[in-house]
PDB file of N, CA and C in Angstrom:
ATOM      1  N   MET A   1      62.658 323.550  14.027  1.00  0.00           N
ATOM      2  CA  MET A   1      62.541 323.812  12.614  1.00  0.00           C
ATOM      3  C   MET A   1      63.745 323.236  11.850  1.00  0.00           C
ATOM      4  N   GLU A   2      63.440 322.579  10.851  1.00  0.00           N
ATOM      5  CA  GLU A   2      64.517 321.999   9.996  1.00  0.00           C
ATOM      6  C   GLU A   2      64.547 322.779   8.669  1.00  0.00           C
ATOM      7  N   ILE A   3      65.732 322.956   8.151  1.00  0.00           N
ATOM      8  CA  ILE A   3      65.950 323.619   6.848  1.00  0.00           C
ATOM      9  C   ILE A   3      66.473 322.598   5.914  1.00  0.00           C
ATOM     10  N   ASN A   4      65.763 322.382   4.852  1.00  0.00           N
ATOM     11  CA  ASN A   4      66.180 321.345   3.819  1.00  0.00           C
ATOM     12  C   ASN A   4      66.647 322.104   2.587  1.00  0.00           C
ATOM     13  N   ARG A   5      67.935 322.003   2.271  1.00  0.00           N
ATOM     14  CA  ARG A   5      68.491 322.641   1.080  1.00  0.00           C
ATOM     15  C   ARG A   5      69.266 321.571   0.339  1.00  0.00           C
ATOM     16  N   PRO A   6      68.582 320.757  -0.478  1.00  0.00           N
ATOM     17  CA  PRO A   6      69.233 319.620  -1.105  1.00  0.00           C
ATOM     18  C   PRO A   6      70.398 320.005  -2.083  1.00  0.00           C
ATOM     19  N   SER A   7      70.348 321.176  -2.608  1.00  0.00           N
ATOM     20  CA  SER A   7      71.465 321.576  -3.565  1.00  0.00           C
ATOM     21  C   SER A   7      72.697 322.085  -2.849  1.00  0.00           C
ATOM     22  N   SER A   8      72.626 322.328  -1.515  1.00  0.00           N
ATOM     23  CA  SER A   8      73.788 322.836  -0.802  1.00  0.00           C
ATOM     24  C   SER A   8      74.718 321.659  -0.434  1.00  0.00           C
ATOM     25  N   PRO A   9      76.035 321.991  -0.323  1.00  0.00           N
ATOM     26  CA  PRO A   9      77.024 320.896   0.007  1.00  0.00           C
ATOM     27  C   PRO A   9      76.793 320.478   1.483  1.00  0.00           C
ATOM     28  N   GLU A  10      77.247 319.226   1.703  1.00  0.00           N
ATOM     29  CA  GLU A  10      77.210 318.669   3.026  1.00  0.00           C
ATOM     30  C   GLU A  10      78.096 319.514   4.014  1.00  0.00           C
ATOM     31  N   LEU A  11      77.616 319.571   5.197  1.00  0.00           N
ATOM     32  CA  LEU A  11      78.389 320.286   6.250  1.00  0.00           C
ATOM     33  C   LEU A  11      79.599 319.501   6.621  1.00  0.00           C
ATOM     34  N   THR A  12      80.669 320.197   6.979  1.00  0.00           N
ATOM     35  CA  THR A  12      81.877 319.591   7.472  1.00  0.00           C
ATOM     36  C   THR A  12      81.620 319.125   8.886  1.00  0.00           C
ATOM     37  N   PRO A  13      82.407 318.270   9.474  1.00  0.00           N
ATOM     38  CA  PRO A  13      82.215 317.862  10.854  1.00  0.00           C
ATOM     39  C   PRO A  13      82.266 319.078  11.823  1.00  0.00           C
ATOM     40  N   GLU A  14      83.139 320.042  11.464  1.00  0.00           N
ATOM     41  CA  GLU A  14      83.267 321.251  12.297  1.00  0.00           C
ATOM     42  C   GLU A  14      81.968 322.065  12.202  1.00  0.00           C
ATOM     43  N   GLN A  15      81.433 322.173  10.977  1.00  0.00           N
ATOM     44  CA  GLN A  15      80.173 322.927  10.827  1.00  0.00           C
ATOM     45  C   GLN A  15      79.012 322.215  11.482  1.00  0.00           C
ATOM     46  N   GLN A  16      78.958 320.923  11.399  1.00  0.00           N
ATOM     47  CA  GLN A  16      77.943 320.184  12.103  1.00  0.00           C
ATOM     48  C   GLN A  16      78.025 320.330  13.627  1.00  0.00           C
ATOM     49  N   ALA A  17      79.200 320.376  14.174  1.00  0.00           N
ATOM     50  CA  ALA A  17      79.390 320.565  15.579  1.00  0.00           C
ATOM     51  C   ALA A  17      78.959 322.010  15.971  1.00  0.00           C
ATOM     52  N   ALA A  18      79.283 322.917  15.125  1.00  0.00           N
ATOM     53  CA  ALA A  18      78.927 324.367  15.447  1.00  0.00           C
ATOM     54  C   ALA A  18      77.366 324.480  15.406  1.00  0.00           C
ATOM     55  N   MET A  19      76.735 323.812  14.414  1.00  0.00           N
ATOM     56  CA  MET A  19      75.249 323.894  14.318  1.00  0.00           C
ATOM     57  C   MET A  19      74.647 323.237  15.509  1.00  0.00           C
ATOM     58  N   GLU A  20      75.153 322.131  15.934  1.00  0.00           N
ATOM     59  CA  GLU A  20      74.604 321.400  17.149  1.00  0.00           C
ATOM     60  C   GLU A  20      74.777 322.305  18.369  1.00  0.00           C
ATOM     61  N   HIS A  21      75.918 322.901  18.476  1.00  0.00           N
ATOM     62  CA  HIS A  21      76.219 323.811  19.645  1.00  0.00           C
ATOM     63  C   HIS A  21      75.199 324.895  19.692  1.00  0.00           C
ATOM     64  N   PHE A  22      74.961 325.543  18.509  1.00  0.00           N
ATOM     65  CA  PHE A  22      74.056 326.642  18.389  1.00  0.00           C
ATOM     66  C   PHE A  22      72.604 326.136  18.752  1.00  0.00           C
ATOM     67  N   ARG A  23      72.213 325.053  18.284  1.00  0.00           N
ATOM     68  CA  ARG A  23      70.880 324.481  18.563  1.00  0.00           C
ATOM     69  C   ARG A  23      70.689 324.268  20.051  1.00  0.00           C
ATOM     70  N   GLN A  24      71.708 323.694  20.659  1.00  0.00           N
ATOM     71  CA  GLN A  24      71.681 323.462  22.153  1.00  0.00           C
ATOM     72  C   GLN A  24      71.516 324.764  22.913  1.00  0.00           C
ATOM     73  N   ARG A  25      72.262 325.753  22.535  1.00  0.00           N
ATOM     74  CA  ARG A  25      72.225 327.039  23.246  1.00  0.00           C
ATOM     75  C   ARG A  25      70.852 327.716  23.065  1.00  0.00           C
ATOM     76  N   VAL A  26      70.301 327.665  21.840  1.00  0.00           N
ATOM     77  CA  VAL A  26      68.988 328.261  21.624  1.00  0.00           C
ATOM     78  C   VAL A  26      67.941 327.527  22.384  1.00  0.00           C
ATOM     79  N   HIS A  27      68.040 326.259  22.411  1.00  0.00           N
ATOM     80  CA  HIS A  27      67.077 325.418  23.154  1.00  0.00           C
ATOM     81  C   HIS A  27      67.136 325.800  24.650  1.00  0.00           C
ATOM     82  N   ALA A  28      68.328 325.849  25.217  1.00  0.00           N
ATOM     83  CA  ALA A  28      68.492 326.179  26.642  1.00  0.00           C
ATOM     84  C   ALA A  28      67.962 327.585  26.964  1.00  0.00           C
ATOM     85  N   LEU A  29      68.254 328.543  26.054  1.00  0.00           N
ATOM     86  CA  LEU A  29      67.749 329.865  26.263  1.00  0.00           C
ATOM     87  C   LEU A  29      66.228 329.964  26.166  1.00  0.00           C
ATOM     88  N   THR A  30      65.643 329.195  25.271  1.00  0.00           N
ATOM     89  CA  THR A  30      64.215 329.077  25.102  1.00  0.00           C
ATOM     90  C   THR A  30      63.562 328.526  26.400  1.00  0.00           C
ATOM     91  N   LEU A  31      64.151 327.546  26.960  1.00  0.00           N
ATOM     92  CA  LEU A  31      63.619 326.941  28.207  1.00  0.00           C
ATOM     93  C   LEU A  31      63.742 327.829  29.384  1.00  0.00           C
ATOM     94  N   SER A  32      64.703 328.767  29.391  1.00  0.00           N
ATOM     95  CA  SER A  32      64.954 329.585  30.517  1.00  0.00           C
ATOM     96  C   SER A  32      64.256 330.956  30.432  1.00  0.00           C
ATOM     97  N   GLY A  33      63.282 331.082  29.562  1.00  0.00           N
ATOM     98  CA  GLY A  33      62.512 332.323  29.523  1.00  0.00           C
ATOM     99  C   GLY A  33      62.387 332.960  28.203  1.00  0.00           C
ATOM    100  N   GLY A  34      62.837 332.319  27.173  1.00  0.00           N
ATOM    101  CA  GLY A  34      62.621 332.880  25.830  1.00  0.00           C
ATOM    102  C   GLY A  34      63.760 333.634  25.280  1.00  0.00           C
ATOM    103  N   LEU A  35      63.634 334.014  24.052  1.00  0.00           N
ATOM    104  CA  LEU A  35      64.713 334.714  23.268  1.00  0.00           C
ATOM    105  C   LEU A  35      64.230 336.078  22.954  1.00  0.00           C
ATOM    106  N   THR A  36      65.108 337.033  23.185  1.00  0.00           N
ATOM    107  CA  THR A  36      64.823 338.367  22.689  1.00  0.00           C
ATOM    108  C   THR A  36      65.728 338.601  21.511  1.00  0.00           C
ATOM    109  N   PRO A  37      65.502 339.584  20.674  1.00  0.00           N
ATOM    110  CA  PRO A  37      66.396 339.875  19.543  1.00  0.00           C
ATOM    111  C   PRO A  37      67.851 340.061  20.023  1.00  0.00           C
ATOM    112  N   ASP A  38      67.994 340.753  21.106  1.00  0.00           N
ATOM    113  CA  ASP A  38      69.362 340.953  21.625  1.00  0.00           C
ATOM    114  C   ASP A  38      70.057 339.617  22.060  1.00  0.00           C
ATOM    115  N   THR A  39      69.255 338.728  22.651  1.00  0.00           N
ATOM    116  CA  THR A  39      69.812 337.417  23.021  1.00  0.00           C
ATOM    117  C   THR A  39      70.299 336.661  21.764  1.00  0.00           C
ATOM    118  N   VAL A  40      69.495 336.641  20.773  1.00  0.00           N
ATOM    119  CA  VAL A  40      69.845 335.924  19.538  1.00  0.00           C
ATOM    120  C   VAL A  40      71.123 336.586  18.944  1.00  0.00           C
ATOM    121  N   ARG A  41      71.183 337.875  18.866  1.00  0.00           N
ATOM    122  CA  ARG A  41      72.301 338.573  18.300  1.00  0.00           C
ATOM    123  C   ARG A  41      73.586 338.255  19.144  1.00  0.00           C
ATOM    124  N   ASN A  42      73.477 338.234  20.460  1.00  0.00           N
ATOM    125  CA  ASN A  42      74.605 337.945  21.307  1.00  0.00           C
ATOM    126  C   ASN A  42      75.053 336.504  21.103  1.00  0.00           C
ATOM    127  N   VAL A  43      74.184 335.590  20.972  1.00  0.00           N
ATOM    128  CA  VAL A  43      74.571 334.172  20.821  1.00  0.00           C
ATOM    129  C   VAL A  43      75.360 334.028  19.456  1.00  0.00           C
ATOM    130  N   VAL A  44      74.836 334.621  18.390  1.00  0.00           N
ATOM    131  CA  VAL A  44      75.473 334.528  17.132  1.00  0.00           C
ATOM    132  C   VAL A  44      76.826 335.219  17.106  1.00  0.00           C
ATOM    133  N   LEU A  45      76.867 336.379  17.723  1.00  0.00           N
ATOM    134  CA  LEU A  45      78.163 337.132  17.764  1.00  0.00           C
ATOM    135  C   LEU A  45      79.187 336.416  18.604  1.00  0.00           C
ATOM    136  N   ALA A  46      78.753 335.813  19.739  1.00  0.00           N
ATOM    137  CA  ALA A  46      79.690 335.106  20.573  1.00  0.00           C
ATOM    138  C   ALA A  46      80.257 333.878  19.830  1.00  0.00           C
ATOM    139  N   ASP A  47      79.402 333.196  19.104  1.00  0.00           N
ATOM    140  CA  ASP A  47      79.880 331.997  18.343  1.00  0.00           C
ATOM    141  C   ASP A  47      80.816 332.448  17.222  1.00  0.00           C
ATOM    142  N   GLU A  48      80.474 333.468  16.510  1.00  0.00           N
ATOM    143  CA  GLU A  48      81.352 333.990  15.466  1.00  0.00           C
ATOM    144  C   GLU A  48      82.731 334.434  16.007  1.00  0.00           C
ATOM    145  N   ALA A  49      82.691 335.174  17.174  1.00  0.00           N
ATOM    146  CA  ALA A  49      83.953 335.559  17.693  1.00  0.00           C
ATOM    147  C   ALA A  49      84.845 334.380  18.123  1.00  0.00           C
ATOM    148  N   GLN A  50      84.226 333.368  18.738  1.00  0.00           N
ATOM    149  CA  GLN A  50      84.985 332.146  19.079  1.00  0.00           C
ATOM    150  C   GLN A  50      85.593 331.515  17.856  1.00  0.00           C
ATOM    151  N   GLU A  51      84.854 331.433  16.777  1.00  0.00           N
ATOM    152  CA  GLU A  51      85.337 330.826  15.555  1.00  0.00           C
ATOM    153  C   GLU A  51      86.493 331.632  14.999  1.00  0.00           C
ATOM    154  N   LEU A  52      86.406 332.960  15.021  1.00  0.00           N
ATOM    155  CA  LEU A  52      87.487 333.763  14.543  1.00  0.00           C
ATOM    156  C   LEU A  52      88.756 333.664  15.421  1.00  0.00           C
ATOM    157  N   ARG A  53      88.539 333.499  16.713  1.00  0.00           N
ATOM    158  CA  ARG A  53      89.709 333.287  17.628  1.00  0.00           C
ATOM    159  C   ARG A  53      90.397 331.949  17.264  1.00  0.00           C
ATOM    160  N   GLU A  54      89.623 330.933  16.898  1.00  0.00           N
ATOM    161  CA  GLU A  54      90.260 329.645  16.576  1.00  0.00           C
ATOM    162  C   GLU A  54      90.933 329.742  15.239  1.00  0.00           C
ATOM    163  N   ILE A  55      90.424 330.482  14.304  1.00  0.00           N
ATOM    164  CA  ILE A  55      91.037 330.598  12.934  1.00  0.00           C
ATOM    165  C   ILE A  55      92.292 331.384  13.003  1.00  0.00           C
ATOM    166  N   ALA A  56      92.319 332.484  13.746  1.00  0.00           N
ATOM    167  CA  ALA A  56      93.485 333.408  13.878  1.00  0.00           C
ATOM    168  C   ALA A  56      93.843 333.738  15.302  1.00  0.00           C
ATOM    169  N   PRO A  57      94.398 332.746  16.004  1.00  0.00           N
ATOM    170  CA  PRO A  57      94.745 332.962  17.371  1.00  0.00           C
ATOM    171  C   PRO A  57      95.759 334.100  17.503  1.00  0.00           C
ATOM    172  N   GLY A  58      95.527 334.931  18.509  1.00  0.00           N
ATOM    173  CA  GLY A  58      96.402 336.016  18.788  1.00  0.00           C
ATOM    174  C   GLY A  58      96.098 337.323  18.015  1.00  0.00           C
ATOM    175  N   GLN A  59      95.196 337.240  17.046  1.00  0.00           N
ATOM    176  CA  GLN A  59      94.788 338.388  16.322  1.00  0.00           C
ATOM    177  C   GLN A  59      93.633 339.134  17.039  1.00  0.00           C
ATOM    178  N   SER A  60      93.659 340.446  16.917  1.00  0.00           N
ATOM    179  CA  SER A  60      92.582 341.244  17.475  1.00  0.00           C
ATOM    180  C   SER A  60      91.357 341.105  16.609  1.00  0.00           C
ATOM    181  N   LEU A  61      90.196 340.905  17.264  1.00  0.00           N
ATOM    182  CA  LEU A  61      88.995 340.800  16.476  1.00  0.00           C
ATOM    183  C   LEU A  61      88.573 342.110  15.881  1.00  0.00           C
ATOM    184  N   LEU A  62      88.971 343.201  16.523  1.00  0.00           N
ATOM    185  CA  LEU A  62      88.630 344.520  16.024  1.00  0.00           C
ATOM    186  C   LEU A  62      89.954 345.332  15.885  1.00  0.00           C
ATOM    187  N   ASP A  63      90.359 345.509  14.694  1.00  0.00           N
ATOM    188  CA  ASP A  63      91.582 346.263  14.446  1.00  0.00           C
ATOM    189  C   ASP A  63      91.249 347.710  14.170  1.00  0.00           C
ATOM    190  N   LEU A  64      91.282 348.527  15.185  1.00  0.00           N
ATOM    191  CA  LEU A  64      90.850 349.932  15.062  1.00  0.00           C
ATOM    192  C   LEU A  64      92.030 350.832  14.790  1.00  0.00           C
ATOM    193  N   GLY A  65      93.242 350.309  14.719  1.00  0.00           N
ATOM    194  CA  GLY A  65      94.438 351.100  14.559  1.00  0.00           C
ATOM    195  C   GLY A  65      94.579 351.592  13.166  1.00  0.00           C
TER     196      GLY A  65
END
């Protein structure tokens, strides 16, 4: 599925790489037996957590203090 949003700004190289990485993971998961809602949620959360670690290295993702 392709999403066409002509009014949105172009993706940065980092965003393009993240999108391609996500597409590859979804494709691999689909080939290995399908996607459940939990699988999709875990893929998205794992990618977001990785991005946050890169943006703020050494910071806790969950500051419960």
